Amino acid sequence: MTLSPTFKAFCEHIAVTWRRKLGGRRAYDPLPSALLLHELEIAVLTPAQISGLSAAHRQQLEISADWSGAIIALNPIQVLCNPLHSPARHEANMMHECAHIILKHPMIPIVPLSPTPPSDPQYEAEANYLGSCLQIPKRGLLWAVQKGMNTQQIAQHFGASSEMVLFRANMTGQRQKIIKSDERI
């Protein structure tokens, strides 16, 4: 799915704006998803906390690492998270779900026992991009590159995975500079 340069610039702006709004952070400061979830009044639940699930469906969700998260209610906003994921993956998952809310994407009802949650490819592409910007804004990544940080240091600083750092590096044209930093260690 192709996203316009205007949309991408808008996402970068949103990421920096939320940092400023939540404690006067700068683009290079980490933004824990917990702060954004709290500000957006999003409750995060695990499968064990969802009432109305059959025992089989709950067990399927609790033992599978194949799913990330989903918005399961809008009033109040509730997001289902996968407790099996690493903290860095959890951050990415929650930023993705926050992106859906910030972009006001309509909720697509979950189909019980479906192997994959229903989704709209355009909405998912937009939430992937904004979610990644929320986790590591371009200006924050440029700051890290200027400081000579390698992939692992950037990941640790932003509470992200190395994969997310490289994803953002690809999106922002910084991959070669980060790879050079990685080669120095």
Foldseek 3Di string as FASTA:
>chain_A
DDDDPVLLVVLLVVLQVVLCVQPHHGLQAADFLVSLCVVLVEAEDELVPDPPADPVLSVVQQPDPPDAKFFADVVPTYMYGHPVDDQQSNLLSSLLRSQCVVVVPDHDHADGPDPYGDDDVVSSVSSNSSSLCNQHRLVSLVVCLVVLHALVRSCVRSVHDSVSNCVVCVVNVNNVSNVVSVVVD
